[in-house]
N, C-alpha and C. Protein backbone atom coordinates (compact mmCIF):
# COMPACT_ATOMS: atom_id res chain seq x y z
N MET A 1 -158.37 0.61 200.00
CA MET A 1 -157.34 0.12 199.12
C MET A 1 -157.99 -0.80 198.10
N ALA A 2 -157.70 -0.61 196.84
CA ALA A 2 -158.40 -1.30 195.76
C ALA A 2 -157.93 -2.74 195.57
N GLY A 3 -156.63 -3.04 195.67
CA GLY A 3 -156.14 -4.39 195.43
C GLY A 3 -155.77 -4.59 193.96
N TYR A 4 -155.77 -5.81 193.54
CA TYR A 4 -155.38 -6.13 192.16
C TYR A 4 -156.60 -6.42 191.30
N ALA A 5 -156.47 -6.19 189.99
CA ALA A 5 -157.53 -6.53 189.05
C ALA A 5 -157.51 -8.03 188.81
N ARG A 6 -158.63 -8.59 188.40
CA ARG A 6 -158.71 -10.04 188.18
C ARG A 6 -158.05 -10.47 186.88
N GLY A 7 -158.01 -9.66 185.89
CA GLY A 7 -157.36 -9.97 184.63
C GLY A 7 -158.09 -11.01 183.81
N LYS A 8 -159.42 -11.01 183.86
CA LYS A 8 -160.17 -12.03 183.13
C LYS A 8 -160.08 -11.89 181.62
N HIS A 9 -159.71 -10.72 181.09
CA HIS A 9 -159.55 -10.53 179.65
C HIS A 9 -158.08 -10.29 179.28
N SER A 10 -157.17 -10.42 180.24
CA SER A 10 -155.75 -10.11 180.01
C SER A 10 -154.99 -11.33 179.52
N LYS A 11 -153.88 -11.05 178.89
CA LYS A 11 -152.97 -12.11 178.43
C LYS A 11 -151.65 -11.94 179.17
N ALA A 12 -150.96 -13.05 179.39
CA ALA A 12 -149.64 -13.03 180.02
C ALA A 12 -148.70 -13.89 179.19
N VAL A 13 -147.43 -13.54 179.18
CA VAL A 13 -146.43 -14.28 178.41
C VAL A 13 -145.74 -15.28 179.34
N SER A 14 -145.70 -16.52 178.88
CA SER A 14 -145.07 -17.58 179.67
C SER A 14 -143.55 -17.40 179.69
N ASP A 15 -142.95 -17.57 180.87
CA ASP A 15 -141.49 -17.49 180.98
C ASP A 15 -140.81 -18.71 180.36
N ARG A 16 -141.52 -19.80 180.20
CA ARG A 16 -140.92 -21.01 179.65
C ARG A 16 -140.98 -21.03 178.12
N SER A 17 -142.15 -20.80 177.54
CA SER A 17 -142.29 -20.94 176.09
C SER A 17 -142.32 -19.61 175.36
N GLY A 18 -142.63 -18.54 176.05
CA GLY A 18 -142.75 -17.24 175.40
C GLY A 18 -144.08 -17.02 174.71
N ALA A 19 -145.00 -17.96 174.84
CA ALA A 19 -146.33 -17.84 174.22
C ALA A 19 -147.26 -17.07 175.16
N ALA A 20 -148.27 -16.41 174.57
CA ALA A 20 -149.24 -15.65 175.34
C ALA A 20 -150.42 -16.56 175.71
N PHE A 21 -150.81 -16.53 176.98
CA PHE A 21 -151.93 -17.32 177.49
C PHE A 21 -152.84 -16.41 178.31
N PRO A 22 -154.08 -16.83 178.57
CA PRO A 22 -154.94 -16.05 179.46
C PRO A 22 -154.29 -15.90 180.84
N TYR A 23 -154.35 -14.71 181.39
CA TYR A 23 -153.69 -14.40 182.65
C TYR A 23 -154.20 -15.29 183.79
N LYS A 24 -155.49 -15.62 183.77
CA LYS A 24 -156.09 -16.41 184.85
C LYS A 24 -155.61 -17.87 184.83
N ASP A 25 -155.01 -18.33 183.72
CA ASP A 25 -154.52 -19.71 183.62
C ASP A 25 -153.04 -19.84 183.96
N MET A 26 -152.42 -18.75 184.39
CA MET A 26 -150.98 -18.77 184.68
C MET A 26 -150.72 -19.21 186.12
N ILE A 27 -149.59 -19.90 186.32
CA ILE A 27 -149.18 -20.41 187.63
C ILE A 27 -147.74 -19.98 187.88
N LYS A 28 -147.43 -19.60 189.11
CA LYS A 28 -146.06 -19.26 189.49
C LYS A 28 -145.39 -20.53 190.01
N GLU A 29 -144.24 -20.89 189.41
CA GLU A 29 -143.52 -22.09 189.82
C GLU A 29 -142.64 -21.83 191.03
N TRP A 30 -142.01 -22.90 191.54
CA TRP A 30 -141.15 -22.83 192.72
C TRP A 30 -139.93 -21.93 192.50
N ASN A 31 -139.50 -21.75 191.25
CA ASN A 31 -138.33 -20.91 190.96
C ASN A 31 -138.72 -19.48 190.61
N GLY A 32 -140.00 -19.14 190.69
CA GLY A 32 -140.45 -17.79 190.44
C GLY A 32 -140.92 -17.54 189.01
N SER A 33 -140.84 -18.52 188.14
CA SER A 33 -141.28 -18.35 186.74
C SER A 33 -142.80 -18.37 186.65
N LEU A 34 -143.35 -17.54 185.79
CA LEU A 34 -144.79 -17.49 185.55
C LEU A 34 -145.04 -18.29 184.27
N VAL A 35 -145.73 -19.43 184.39
CA VAL A 35 -145.96 -20.32 183.25
C VAL A 35 -147.44 -20.69 183.17
N HIS A 36 -147.84 -21.20 182.01
CA HIS A 36 -149.21 -21.68 181.84
C HIS A 36 -149.36 -23.00 182.60
N LYS A 37 -150.57 -23.32 183.02
CA LYS A 37 -150.79 -24.53 183.82
C LYS A 37 -150.44 -25.81 183.07
N THR A 38 -150.44 -25.80 181.72
CA THR A 38 -150.04 -26.99 180.96
C THR A 38 -148.52 -27.15 180.90
N GLU A 39 -147.78 -26.06 181.19
CA GLU A 39 -146.32 -26.11 181.15
C GLU A 39 -145.70 -26.29 182.54
N HIS A 40 -146.53 -26.33 183.54
CA HIS A 40 -146.05 -26.37 184.93
C HIS A 40 -145.29 -27.66 185.21
N GLU A 41 -144.15 -27.55 185.89
CA GLU A 41 -143.37 -28.70 186.33
C GLU A 41 -143.12 -28.58 187.82
N ASN A 42 -143.33 -29.67 188.54
CA ASN A 42 -143.07 -29.67 189.98
C ASN A 42 -141.56 -29.66 190.23
N LYS A 43 -141.19 -29.22 191.41
CA LYS A 43 -139.78 -29.20 191.79
C LYS A 43 -139.30 -30.64 191.94
N HIS A 44 -138.14 -30.93 191.36
CA HIS A 44 -137.60 -32.29 191.42
C HIS A 44 -137.15 -32.60 192.84
N PRO A 45 -137.45 -33.80 193.35
CA PRO A 45 -137.09 -34.13 194.73
C PRO A 45 -135.59 -34.09 195.01
N GLN A 46 -134.74 -34.31 194.02
CA GLN A 46 -133.30 -34.32 194.26
C GLN A 46 -132.73 -32.92 194.50
N LEU A 47 -133.52 -31.87 194.22
CA LEU A 47 -133.05 -30.52 194.50
C LEU A 47 -133.04 -30.21 195.99
N GLU A 48 -133.81 -30.94 196.76
CA GLU A 48 -133.82 -30.82 198.22
C GLU A 48 -133.74 -32.21 198.81
N PRO A 49 -132.55 -32.83 198.82
CA PRO A 49 -132.43 -34.19 199.34
C PRO A 49 -132.67 -34.23 200.84
N ARG A 50 -133.21 -35.34 201.28
CA ARG A 50 -133.41 -35.54 202.71
C ARG A 50 -132.07 -35.79 203.38
N PRO A 51 -131.87 -35.32 204.58
CA PRO A 51 -130.60 -35.57 205.25
C PRO A 51 -130.44 -37.06 205.54
N VAL A 52 -129.24 -37.56 205.31
CA VAL A 52 -128.93 -38.96 205.53
C VAL A 52 -128.13 -39.06 206.82
N PRO A 53 -128.53 -39.93 207.74
CA PRO A 53 -127.76 -40.04 208.98
C PRO A 53 -126.37 -40.60 208.71
N ALA A 54 -125.41 -40.20 209.53
CA ALA A 54 -124.04 -40.66 209.36
C ALA A 54 -123.92 -42.14 209.73
N ASP A 55 -122.98 -42.81 209.08
CA ASP A 55 -122.73 -44.20 209.38
C ASP A 55 -122.03 -44.32 210.73
N ALA A 56 -122.32 -45.40 211.44
CA ALA A 56 -121.63 -45.66 212.70
C ALA A 56 -120.19 -46.05 212.40
N VAL A 57 -119.23 -45.46 213.10
CA VAL A 57 -117.82 -45.69 212.82
C VAL A 57 -117.17 -46.54 213.90
N ALA A 58 -117.44 -46.24 215.15
CA ALA A 58 -116.77 -46.92 216.25
C ALA A 58 -117.66 -48.01 216.84
N LEU A 59 -117.01 -49.02 217.42
CA LEU A 59 -117.72 -50.08 218.12
C LEU A 59 -117.68 -49.79 219.61
N ARG A 60 -118.76 -50.10 220.30
CA ARG A 60 -118.80 -49.93 221.74
C ARG A 60 -118.01 -51.07 222.39
N ASP A 61 -117.19 -50.75 223.37
CA ASP A 61 -116.38 -51.71 224.13
C ASP A 61 -115.48 -52.54 223.22
N ALA A 62 -114.83 -51.91 222.28
CA ALA A 62 -113.92 -52.63 221.38
C ALA A 62 -112.64 -53.00 222.11
N ARG A 63 -112.08 -54.16 221.78
CA ARG A 63 -110.84 -54.63 222.39
C ARG A 63 -109.89 -55.04 221.29
N PRO A 64 -108.57 -54.88 221.52
CA PRO A 64 -107.62 -55.28 220.48
C PRO A 64 -107.59 -56.80 220.32
N GLN A 65 -107.13 -57.22 219.17
CA GLN A 65 -107.02 -58.64 218.88
C GLN A 65 -105.94 -59.25 219.77
N ALA A 66 -106.19 -60.44 220.28
CA ALA A 66 -105.27 -61.07 221.24
C ALA A 66 -103.96 -61.48 220.58
N GLN A 67 -103.98 -62.04 219.39
CA GLN A 67 -102.77 -62.49 218.72
C GLN A 67 -102.54 -61.63 217.48
N SER A 68 -101.27 -61.40 217.19
CA SER A 68 -100.95 -60.64 215.99
C SER A 68 -100.35 -61.57 214.95
N VAL A 69 -100.53 -61.23 213.70
CA VAL A 69 -100.03 -62.03 212.59
C VAL A 69 -98.74 -61.39 212.09
N VAL A 70 -97.70 -62.21 211.90
CA VAL A 70 -96.41 -61.72 211.43
C VAL A 70 -96.16 -62.30 210.04
N PHE A 71 -95.82 -61.43 209.08
CA PHE A 71 -95.48 -61.87 207.74
C PHE A 71 -93.98 -61.72 207.56
N ALA A 72 -93.32 -62.75 207.02
CA ALA A 72 -91.88 -62.70 206.79
C ALA A 72 -91.60 -63.12 205.36
N SER A 73 -90.65 -62.43 204.74
CA SER A 73 -90.23 -62.77 203.38
C SER A 73 -89.05 -63.72 203.47
N ILE A 74 -89.15 -64.89 202.83
CA ILE A 74 -88.11 -65.91 202.89
C ILE A 74 -87.54 -66.10 201.48
N GLY A 75 -86.24 -66.23 201.38
CA GLY A 75 -85.60 -66.44 200.08
C GLY A 75 -84.10 -66.31 200.21
N ARG A 76 -83.41 -66.09 199.12
CA ARG A 76 -81.97 -65.86 199.16
C ARG A 76 -81.69 -64.54 199.88
N GLY A 77 -80.58 -64.47 200.56
CA GLY A 77 -80.25 -63.30 201.36
C GLY A 77 -80.23 -62.01 200.57
N ALA A 78 -79.73 -62.05 199.36
CA ALA A 78 -79.64 -60.84 198.55
C ALA A 78 -81.00 -60.46 197.97
N ASP A 79 -82.00 -61.35 198.07
CA ASP A 79 -83.31 -61.09 197.50
C ASP A 79 -84.30 -60.54 198.52
N THR A 80 -83.89 -60.38 199.77
CA THR A 80 -84.82 -59.95 200.80
C THR A 80 -84.46 -58.57 201.31
N SER A 81 -85.32 -58.05 202.16
CA SER A 81 -85.04 -56.75 202.76
C SER A 81 -84.01 -56.84 203.86
N PHE A 82 -83.62 -58.08 204.28
CA PHE A 82 -82.63 -58.28 205.35
C PHE A 82 -81.20 -58.25 204.81
N SER A 83 -81.02 -58.01 203.53
CA SER A 83 -79.71 -58.19 202.92
C SER A 83 -78.97 -56.88 202.68
N SER A 84 -79.06 -55.93 203.59
CA SER A 84 -78.29 -54.71 203.42
C SER A 84 -77.74 -54.28 204.76
N SER A 85 -76.66 -53.55 204.69
CA SER A 85 -76.06 -52.97 205.88
C SER A 85 -76.13 -51.46 205.70
N GLY A 86 -77.15 -50.84 206.28
CA GLY A 86 -77.38 -49.42 206.02
C GLY A 86 -77.89 -49.24 204.61
N MET A 87 -77.20 -48.39 203.84
CA MET A 87 -77.59 -48.15 202.45
C MET A 87 -76.79 -49.01 201.47
N VAL A 88 -75.82 -49.79 202.00
CA VAL A 88 -74.97 -50.61 201.14
C VAL A 88 -75.51 -52.03 201.13
N PRO A 89 -75.90 -52.56 199.96
CA PRO A 89 -76.42 -53.93 199.91
C PRO A 89 -75.29 -54.95 200.00
N LYS A 90 -75.63 -56.15 200.54
CA LYS A 90 -74.67 -57.25 200.60
C LYS A 90 -74.45 -57.79 199.20
N THR A 91 -73.23 -58.24 198.95
CA THR A 91 -72.92 -58.80 197.64
C THR A 91 -72.98 -60.32 197.65
N ILE A 92 -72.93 -60.95 198.82
CA ILE A 92 -72.98 -62.41 198.91
C ILE A 92 -74.37 -62.81 199.36
N ALA A 93 -74.99 -63.70 198.59
CA ALA A 93 -76.32 -64.17 198.93
C ALA A 93 -76.22 -65.32 199.91
N GLU A 94 -76.95 -65.24 201.01
CA GLU A 94 -76.98 -66.30 202.01
C GLU A 94 -78.41 -66.78 202.15
N ASP A 95 -78.56 -68.07 202.43
CA ASP A 95 -79.90 -68.61 202.65
C ASP A 95 -80.45 -68.14 203.98
N LEU A 96 -81.73 -67.83 204.02
CA LEU A 96 -82.40 -67.47 205.26
C LEU A 96 -83.30 -68.63 205.66
N ILE A 97 -83.22 -69.03 206.92
CA ILE A 97 -84.06 -70.10 207.43
C ILE A 97 -84.93 -69.51 208.53
N LEU A 98 -86.21 -69.73 208.45
CA LEU A 98 -87.14 -69.18 209.42
C LEU A 98 -87.73 -70.32 210.22
N ASN A 99 -87.46 -70.32 211.53
CA ASN A 99 -88.08 -71.28 212.44
C ASN A 99 -89.02 -70.49 213.33
N PHE A 100 -90.22 -70.98 213.53
CA PHE A 100 -91.15 -70.22 214.36
C PHE A 100 -92.00 -71.13 215.22
N THR A 101 -92.41 -70.60 216.32
CA THR A 101 -93.39 -71.24 217.20
C THR A 101 -94.41 -70.18 217.56
N LEU A 102 -95.48 -70.59 218.19
CA LEU A 102 -96.54 -69.66 218.55
C LEU A 102 -96.01 -68.64 219.56
N GLY A 103 -96.05 -67.37 219.19
CA GLY A 103 -95.66 -66.32 220.10
C GLY A 103 -94.26 -65.80 219.89
N GLU A 104 -93.38 -66.49 219.17
CA GLU A 104 -92.02 -66.00 218.94
C GLU A 104 -91.52 -66.41 217.57
N VAL A 105 -90.57 -65.65 217.03
CA VAL A 105 -89.97 -65.94 215.73
C VAL A 105 -88.47 -66.02 215.92
N ILE A 106 -87.85 -67.09 215.39
CA ILE A 106 -86.40 -67.26 215.47
C ILE A 106 -85.86 -67.32 214.05
N VAL A 107 -84.92 -66.44 213.73
CA VAL A 107 -84.28 -66.43 212.41
C VAL A 107 -82.83 -66.84 212.62
N SER A 108 -82.38 -67.89 211.89
CA SER A 108 -80.98 -68.31 212.02
C SER A 108 -80.31 -68.37 210.67
């Protein structure tokens, strides 16, 4: 079997510039293009990014918070979310007084 000729007197056309160069000075790039060695570009690293490990989401031996925080809206009765009976809003505004201690809430 004879194999390939060396091409020491041959010319090849660059896929990048379209110019003719000596065949022996041509290089095949990562994308299959045949270019002259002065036109050669390496493959950009971002085309094959390294795998990034996933972030840790859960905590080991997690426990719920012992105390909970309660937010209450205080104001005139007609101005709060407590001022309706079903879908019908109250027409008389009443003052809301909030008394609280640790662990319980009393509204009077």
